[in-house]
Structure formats: structure tokens, C-alpha cells
């Protein structure tokens, strides 16, 4: 008899825990939209729009669709409900600001605060800072302010030329976030990106990766010892990941013939580095709360196939509560019948 009562109490305690998990998860859910919208208006590079669209299609679950979105669509409102994530790719942040300053940026900010996702890469990362210092020490204020500090750059080059691949680099970064890549370094494509000054001091900001300090331009090293390359920002009920490096970059035949890119491609496409790059992409999409492709995808490692965010885990468990409660009631009823007999 005591053993039966003990089992009952344990089972009931499990139900209570699951119920609490459901309450926690309900207040920490992301947007249920399935369209991953990539900004392609003024300032966006057609090439970088293509890179991230291809990468998303290869890594995230089939329930999502990738499409572009123009500045006038963002400014017109009404896109938020169906949007699972908003992506601002590489390009030029000042035209982003000019096109969206008065109407679009407040809508983007509200979308993320209400549980949306934002991914900013290079220019899109600069764009989401409180202010930017680019090639000068003067500050350019920005509207989104997902990162509360200054985005400063270009971090790895002295003379940036946006029209030439001479400014490209293979940036070595160290991943400090969760997952199988934790504590490892890898080479990622870089083209004019910055770093997030004093990211560690701001509430709601988590550094996911740092630059190798040996590659950083000396002019930035005075007074700074760490140079965050990727940060995750908690924004209300939503999340923003800002990556100064082009983790989404892929090559085509024309780029393989570019003499300035040959050595960069060799480093990035080294088999060991490519495996780490796969892990990096998976890690970032998991941090954004996106579902990865199913386990039969050759691109998703076993480690990430089993990796689930806390909120997804809690939602999955809490869905079982009614079923488990029903079983418990039936079990107790049958137990009572046995005692009556």
C-alpha cells in the first residue's frame, strides 16, 4: 500500500511539473508565422539576399518558406502575422535607414518585441545597433537598437573597398554559445563587418562568437580586449541575432576564379572547417527558435537533430498533460475498485 501511494504521488507531481512547464512556455513563445522574409529593398545586396535564401532553404524545416520583402511592404504594415523571421542581409545600412526610418523601423521593432525573430548579417547587424561607427569615429544613430551599444568597424581591414573582393577575409571566430561547436574556432567569410563594443555589459545580450584578436585592426585594440562577432539580443518576447560575419556565404564558379578569393575559399571549404560551418549555421537557427530539417537531412548533424530549445521542449511536454491526466484518473478509479472488492 505505501508503495502504491508513493507511485501515485510521483505521477501527480509529474503532472504538476508539466503544467508549470506549459505556463512557462506559453509566455515565451515565438511568432508562429512560417514565412522567412528577406529584405531586398534599397541597400540590400542581390548576392547576399541569394546566399541567405539558399542557406535557409538547405537548413530549416520544410514548414517554412523563404521570400523577399521590399521596403514599401514593410512600411505598409500587415506583414507581421505571417512572418516567422525578418532577415536583413549584407549590403549598406544607410539606405536601409533612409527607406524605413519613419514608418518601417517602428513596425520592425514592435514585431520583434511581440515575439518575432530578426536576423541581421553584416550591414543588417550594423543596422540593428544603437549607433554605428564605420571607418570614422563619428556616431551614426540607428532606430532598431536591438543591440544597446555601438557597432564599430570594419574590424579586420584598414581600407575597406565595397566594390572589390580585395577587402574580403577568412575571419577566424571562436564559438562560445551552446552546442557541439562550443569552444572551437572556424573560418567564416568576412566583408566589412564590425564588432559589438562592450557587448558583455548590456542586459539581455549574449555573445555567441568572438573574433580572433590577432586579425583585428590595431586601431581598435586600444581599450578593448574582446571583439564580439555574433551576439544574441533578447527583445521583449522576441529575439535578434546579429552576425558581423557572413556565415551564409557560398561560392559560385565566377568567385572561384577570383584571385583574391582563392585562398579564402580554400580555408572555408576545407572539410573540417565546412563541418564546423554546418554546425555554426545549425546553432544560429536553433538560437533563433527555428526548426531544423528532419533527421534524414545530410546537412543536419546528429547532435543538432536532437537539440531542442527549452521552450520547444516545454511545449512538447505540456501537450501531453490532458492525456496523462486522463490516464491517472482511470488508474486511480481502477485502484479504488480493486480496494472495494
Protein backbone atom coordinates (compact mmCIF):
# COMPACT_ATOMS: atom_id res chain seq x y z
CA UNK A 1 0.00 0.00 0.00
CA UNK A 2 2.67 2.61 0.84
CA UNK A 3 4.40 1.81 -2.46
CA UNK A 4 1.17 2.38 -4.40
CA UNK A 5 0.62 5.73 -2.69
CA UNK A 6 4.22 6.69 -3.42
CA UNK A 7 3.76 5.93 -7.13
CA UNK A 8 0.55 7.97 -7.18
CA UNK A 9 2.27 10.97 -5.60
CA UNK A 10 5.20 10.75 -8.03
CA UNK A 11 2.84 10.61 -11.01
CA UNK A 12 0.79 13.54 -9.75
CA UNK A 13 3.97 15.54 -9.15
CA UNK A 14 5.00 14.89 -12.76
CA UNK A 15 1.64 16.25 -13.95
CA UNK A 16 2.14 19.42 -11.89
CA UNK A 17 5.62 19.92 -13.37
CA UNK A 18 4.27 19.52 -16.88
CA UNK A 19 1.51 22.02 -16.15
CA UNK A 20 4.06 24.52 -14.85
CA UNK A 21 6.15 23.96 -17.97
CA UNK A 22 3.10 24.75 -20.10
CA UNK A 23 2.58 28.03 -18.25
CA UNK A 24 6.26 28.97 -18.67
CA UNK A 25 6.32 28.09 -22.36
CA UNK A 26 3.11 29.98 -23.10
CA UNK A 27 4.72 33.24 -22.03
CA UNK A 28 7.91 32.60 -24.01
CA UNK A 29 6.79 31.59 -27.49
CA UNK A 30 7.99 32.97 -30.77
CA UNK A 31 5.98 34.05 -33.78
CA UNK A 32 4.04 31.21 -35.39
CA UNK A 33 4.45 32.69 -38.87
CA UNK A 34 6.13 30.43 -41.41
CA UNK A 35 7.40 32.96 -43.95
CA UNK A 36 11.07 33.85 -43.59
CA UNK A 37 11.22 37.27 -45.21
CA UNK A 38 14.49 38.62 -46.54
CA UNK A 39 14.72 42.35 -47.07
CA UNK A 40 15.55 43.14 -50.70
CA UNK A 41 14.86 46.88 -50.86
CA UNK A 42 17.29 49.81 -51.11
CA UNK A 43 20.72 48.90 -49.75
CA UNK A 44 20.33 45.11 -49.92
CA UNK A 45 22.92 43.24 -51.98
CA UNK A 46 21.29 40.91 -54.51
CA UNK A 47 24.11 38.41 -53.99
CA UNK A 48 23.73 38.33 -50.20
CA UNK A 49 19.95 38.05 -50.48
CA UNK A 50 20.58 34.96 -52.60
CA UNK A 51 23.12 33.48 -50.17
CA UNK A 52 20.85 33.62 -47.12
CA UNK A 53 17.82 32.46 -49.08
CA UNK A 54 19.75 29.40 -50.26
CA UNK A 55 21.16 28.66 -46.81
CA UNK A 56 17.78 28.91 -45.10
CA UNK A 57 16.30 26.57 -47.69
CA UNK A 58 19.00 24.00 -47.01
CA UNK A 59 18.90 24.04 -43.21
CA UNK A 60 15.48 24.97 -41.80
CA UNK A 61 12.36 22.82 -41.74
CA UNK A 62 10.08 22.35 -44.70
CA UNK A 63 7.22 24.13 -42.92
CA UNK A 64 8.96 27.43 -43.67
CA UNK A 65 9.09 29.28 -46.96
CA UNK A 66 11.68 31.88 -47.94
CA UNK A 67 10.63 35.01 -49.79
CA UNK A 68 11.83 38.57 -50.19
CA UNK A 69 10.16 41.68 -48.82
CA UNK A 70 10.52 45.25 -50.08
CA UNK A 71 10.69 48.49 -48.10
CA UNK A 72 7.19 49.55 -49.20
CA UNK A 73 5.77 46.25 -47.92
CA UNK A 74 7.35 46.75 -44.50
CA UNK A 75 6.13 50.35 -44.41
CA UNK A 76 2.59 49.31 -45.34
CA UNK A 77 2.10 47.09 -42.25
CA UNK A 78 0.17 43.80 -42.27
CA UNK A 79 3.16 41.50 -42.88
CA UNK A 80 3.80 40.61 -39.25
CA UNK A 81 1.30 37.79 -38.61
CA UNK A 82 2.63 35.51 -41.36
CA UNK A 83 6.31 36.35 -40.78
CA UNK A 84 8.35 33.78 -38.88
CA UNK A 85 11.56 35.78 -39.21
CA UNK A 86 12.74 39.01 -40.77
CA UNK A 87 16.24 38.96 -42.28
CA UNK A 88 18.35 41.98 -43.15
CA UNK A 89 21.26 40.74 -45.28
CA UNK A 90 24.60 42.19 -46.30
CA UNK A 91 24.61 45.43 -48.27
CA UNK A 92 24.58 49.00 -46.97
CA UNK A 93 22.84 50.04 -43.76
CA UNK A 94 22.38 53.74 -44.55
CA UNK A 95 19.91 53.07 -47.41
CA UNK A 96 18.06 50.71 -45.03
CA UNK A 97 17.70 53.60 -42.62
CA UNK A 98 16.60 56.05 -45.30
CA UNK A 99 13.92 53.70 -46.64
CA UNK A 100 12.45 52.63 -43.28
CA UNK A 101 13.25 55.39 -40.82
CA UNK A 102 9.82 56.92 -40.20
CA UNK A 103 7.39 54.02 -40.59
CA UNK A 104 9.11 50.68 -41.13
CA UNK A 105 11.57 50.67 -38.25
CA UNK A 106 8.94 51.14 -35.51
CA UNK A 107 6.94 48.28 -37.09
CA UNK A 108 10.02 46.04 -37.15
CA UNK A 109 10.80 46.87 -33.54
CA UNK A 110 7.22 46.11 -32.44
CA UNK A 111 7.19 42.86 -34.44
CA UNK A 112 10.28 41.55 -32.63
CA UNK A 113 9.12 42.76 -29.21
CA UNK A 114 5.88 40.84 -29.71
CA UNK A 115 7.69 37.53 -30.28
CA UNK A 116 9.23 37.95 -33.72
CA UNK A 117 12.68 36.96 -34.92
CA UNK A 118 15.29 39.19 -36.56
CA UNK A 119 18.49 38.05 -38.24
CA UNK A 120 20.95 40.75 -39.23
CA UNK A 121 24.07 39.88 -41.21
CA UNK A 122 26.92 42.37 -41.73
CA UNK A 123 25.03 45.54 -42.80
CA UNK A 124 21.90 44.07 -41.21
CA UNK A 125 23.85 43.68 -37.96
CA UNK A 126 25.18 47.25 -38.02
CA UNK A 127 21.62 48.38 -38.73
CA UNK A 128 20.27 46.85 -35.53
CA UNK A 129 22.75 48.58 -33.20
CA UNK A 130 22.01 51.68 -31.15
CA UNK A 131 24.65 53.54 -33.19
CA UNK A 132 27.38 52.79 -35.72
CA UNK A 133 30.99 53.87 -36.14
CA UNK A 134 32.06 52.90 -39.64
CA UNK A 135 35.54 53.89 -40.83
CA UNK A 136 35.35 57.03 -38.70
CA UNK A 137 34.93 57.80 -35.00
CA UNK A 138 31.72 59.73 -35.57
CA UNK A 139 28.47 58.10 -34.43
CA UNK A 140 25.57 57.34 -36.75
CA UNK A 141 22.40 56.70 -34.72
CA UNK A 142 20.11 53.86 -35.75
CA UNK A 143 16.46 53.17 -34.93
CA UNK A 144 16.08 49.46 -34.14
CA UNK A 145 18.53 49.37 -31.21
CA UNK A 146 18.30 45.60 -30.63
CA UNK A 147 21.92 45.84 -29.52
CA UNK A 148 22.10 48.68 -26.99
CA UNK A 149 25.67 49.66 -27.79
CA UNK A 150 27.85 50.65 -30.72
CA UNK A 151 28.64 48.55 -33.78
CA UNK A 152 32.15 49.51 -34.87
CA UNK A 153 34.06 48.52 -37.99
CA UNK A 154 35.28 47.38 -40.38
CA UNK A 155 37.02 45.25 -37.77
CA UNK A 156 39.50 43.28 -39.87
CA UNK A 157 40.61 45.75 -42.53
CA UNK A 158 42.22 49.15 -42.71
CA UNK A 159 40.94 50.33 -46.09
CA UNK A 160 37.54 48.95 -46.98
CA UNK A 161 36.55 48.87 -50.65
CA UNK A 162 32.97 47.63 -51.10
CA UNK A 163 33.47 47.28 -54.84
CA UNK A 164 36.45 44.92 -54.63
CA UNK A 165 36.95 41.42 -53.25
CA UNK A 166 40.36 42.64 -52.02
CA UNK A 167 38.51 43.61 -48.84
CA UNK A 168 37.30 40.05 -48.24
CA UNK A 169 38.82 37.92 -45.47
CA UNK A 170 38.53 34.49 -43.94
CA UNK A 171 37.70 35.59 -40.39
CA UNK A 172 38.62 33.21 -37.62
CA UNK A 173 35.96 33.22 -34.93
CA UNK A 174 35.59 31.34 -31.65
CA UNK A 175 32.13 29.98 -30.84
CA UNK A 176 31.20 30.34 -27.17
CA UNK A 177 27.50 29.51 -27.47
CA UNK A 178 25.88 26.12 -26.84
CA UNK A 179 26.10 23.01 -28.97
CA UNK A 180 28.82 20.71 -30.33
CA UNK A 181 30.81 23.66 -31.68
CA UNK A 182 31.31 25.20 -28.22
CA UNK A 183 34.92 26.26 -27.58
CA UNK A 184 36.04 25.67 -31.16
CA UNK A 185 37.27 28.05 -33.84
CA UNK A 186 36.43 28.15 -37.54
CA UNK A 187 36.94 30.33 -40.60
CA UNK A 188 33.95 32.31 -41.90
CA UNK A 189 33.65 34.70 -44.85
CA UNK A 190 34.07 38.35 -43.91
CA UNK A 191 33.47 41.52 -45.91
CA UNK A 192 33.40 44.78 -43.97
CA UNK A 193 31.66 43.59 -40.81
CA UNK A 194 32.09 45.15 -37.39
CA UNK A 195 32.18 44.18 -33.74
CA UNK A 196 29.87 44.96 -30.83
CA UNK A 197 31.65 47.19 -28.32
CA UNK A 198 31.41 46.03 -24.69
CA UNK A 199 28.60 43.62 -25.56
CA UNK A 200 29.11 41.74 -22.29
CA UNK A 201 27.95 44.65 -20.12
CA UNK A 202 24.48 45.04 -21.62
CA UNK A 203 21.46 43.31 -20.13
CA UNK A 204 19.75 40.85 -22.44
CA UNK A 205 22.80 40.46 -24.70
CA UNK A 206 24.62 37.14 -25.08
CA UNK A 207 27.87 36.89 -27.01
CA UNK A 208 27.88 33.79 -29.22
CA UNK A 209 31.21 34.24 -31.01
CA UNK A 210 34.38 36.34 -30.84
CA UNK A 211 36.93 37.32 -33.47
CA UNK A 212 40.49 36.06 -33.22
CA UNK A 213 42.13 39.18 -31.80
CA UNK A 214 45.26 38.67 -33.93
CA UNK A 215 43.22 39.55 -37.03
CA UNK A 216 41.70 42.73 -35.59
CA UNK A 217 42.93 46.06 -36.92
CA UNK A 218 45.36 47.59 -34.36
CA UNK A 219 43.49 50.92 -34.22
CA UNK A 220 40.60 49.21 -32.43
CA UNK A 221 42.66 47.42 -29.80
CA UNK A 222 43.26 50.41 -27.56
CA UNK A 223 40.90 50.00 -24.60
CA UNK A 224 39.26 46.84 -26.00
CA UNK A 225 40.37 43.29 -25.32
CA UNK A 226 37.46 41.28 -26.77
CA UNK A 227 35.76 41.69 -30.13
CA UNK A 228 32.33 40.02 -30.35
CA UNK A 229 31.44 38.92 -33.87
CA UNK A 230 27.98 37.43 -33.22
CA UNK A 231 25.52 38.42 -30.50
CA UNK A 232 22.06 37.30 -29.47
CA UNK A 233 19.69 40.01 -28.21
CA UNK A 234 16.58 39.45 -26.12
CA UNK A 235 14.00 41.95 -27.35
CA UNK A 236 10.73 41.80 -25.41
CA UNK A 237 9.24 38.40 -26.20
CA UNK A 238 11.35 38.08 -29.34
CA UNK A 239 14.96 37.57 -30.34
CA UNK A 240 17.51 39.13 -32.66
CA UNK A 241 20.78 37.58 -33.77
CA UNK A 242 23.34 39.94 -35.23
CA UNK A 243 26.24 38.41 -37.16
CA UNK A 244 29.05 40.62 -38.42
CA UNK A 245 30.41 37.69 -40.44
CA UNK A 246 28.82 36.04 -43.48
CA UNK A 247 28.10 32.54 -42.19
CA UNK A 248 25.61 32.15 -45.08
CA UNK A 249 28.16 32.79 -47.85
CA UNK A 250 28.52 30.22 -50.62
CA UNK A 251 30.61 30.24 -53.79
CA UNK A 252 29.91 30.05 -57.49
CA UNK A 253 32.17 29.40 -60.46
CA UNK A 254 32.90 33.09 -61.01
CA UNK A 255 34.05 33.59 -57.44
CA UNK A 256 36.29 30.53 -57.65
CA UNK A 257 38.19 32.28 -60.43
CA UNK A 258 38.69 35.49 -58.41
CA UNK A 259 42.38 35.63 -57.38
CA UNK A 260 41.54 37.48 -54.17
CA UNK A 261 39.11 34.76 -53.07
CA UNK A 262 41.09 31.62 -53.89
CA UNK A 263 42.89 31.32 -50.53
CA UNK A 264 39.72 32.33 -48.65
CA UNK A 265 37.69 29.63 -50.37
CA UNK A 266 40.38 27.04 -49.60
CA UNK A 267 40.18 27.84 -45.87
CA UNK A 268 36.40 27.95 -45.66
CA UNK A 269 35.80 24.85 -47.78
CA UNK A 270 38.38 22.74 -46.01
CA UNK A 271 36.36 19.61 -44.99
CA UNK A 272 36.96 20.09 -41.26
CA UNK A 273 36.04 23.78 -41.45
CA UNK A 274 32.98 23.04 -43.60
CA UNK A 275 31.73 20.62 -40.96
CA UNK A 276 32.11 23.33 -38.33
CA UNK A 277 30.34 25.81 -40.60
CA UNK A 278 27.41 23.39 -40.82
CA UNK A 279 27.35 23.30 -37.02
CA UNK A 280 27.52 27.10 -36.84
CA UNK A 281 24.52 27.52 -39.16
CA UNK A 282 22.52 24.93 -37.23
CA UNK A 283 23.43 26.58 -33.93
CA UNK A 284 22.33 30.03 -35.08
CA UNK A 285 19.00 28.80 -36.42
CA UNK A 286 18.38 26.87 -33.18
CA UNK A 287 19.20 30.02 -31.17
CA UNK A 288 16.55 31.79 -33.27
CA UNK A 289 14.00 29.14 -32.31
CA UNK A 290 13.65 27.78 -35.83
CA UNK A 291 13.04 24.10 -36.51
CA UNK A 292 15.79 22.41 -38.49
CA UNK A 293 15.29 19.93 -41.29
CA UNK A 294 14.34 16.39 -40.31
CA UNK A 295 16.88 13.80 -39.22
CA UNK A 296 17.21 12.33 -42.71
CA UNK A 297 18.82 15.54 -44.00
CA UNK A 298 22.51 15.05 -44.69
CA UNK A 299 23.13 18.65 -43.62
CA UNK A 300 21.97 18.35 -40.01
CA UNK A 301 24.31 16.61 -37.62
CA UNK A 302 23.01 14.10 -35.10
CA UNK A 303 23.87 16.48 -32.25
CA UNK A 304 21.60 19.22 -33.60
CA UNK A 305 18.91 16.82 -34.72
CA UNK A 306 18.38 16.05 -31.02
CA UNK A 307 18.88 19.61 -29.81
CA UNK A 308 15.69 21.40 -28.79
CA UNK A 309 15.20 24.79 -27.21
CA UNK A 310 13.74 24.88 -23.70
CA UNK A 311 10.54 26.47 -24.88
CA UNK A 312 10.01 23.82 -27.58
CA UNK A 313 10.67 21.08 -25.03
CA UNK A 314 8.21 22.53 -22.55
CA UNK A 315 5.55 22.98 -25.21
CA UNK A 316 6.04 19.39 -26.33
CA UNK A 317 5.71 18.01 -22.82
CA UNK A 318 2.79 20.19 -21.87
CA UNK A 319 0.82 18.91 -24.85
CA UNK A 320 0.77 15.53 -23.06
CA UNK A 321 -0.87 16.90 -19.88
CA UNK A 322 -4.55 16.20 -20.78
CA UNK A 323 -3.68 12.69 -21.93
CA UNK A 324 -1.65 11.90 -18.81
CA UNK A 325 -4.32 13.36 -16.55
CA UNK A 326 -6.93 11.12 -18.14
CA UNK A 327 -4.76 8.03 -17.63
CA UNK A 328 -4.14 8.98 -13.99
CA UNK A 329 -7.86 9.35 -13.30
CA UNK A 330 -8.60 5.97 -14.87
CA UNK A 331 -5.77 4.35 -12.93
CA UNK A 332 -6.96 5.77 -9.60
CA UNK A 333 -10.54 4.76 -10.36
CA UNK A 334 -9.45 1.18 -11.13
CA UNK A 335 -7.32 1.15 -7.99
CA UNK A 336 -10.34 2.20 -5.94
CA UNK A 337 -12.43 -0.55 -7.47
CA UNK A 338 -9.78 -3.09 -6.50
CA UNK A 339 -9.84 -1.86 -2.89
CA UNK A 340 -13.66 -2.03 -2.79
CA UNK A 341 -13.51 -5.63 -3.98
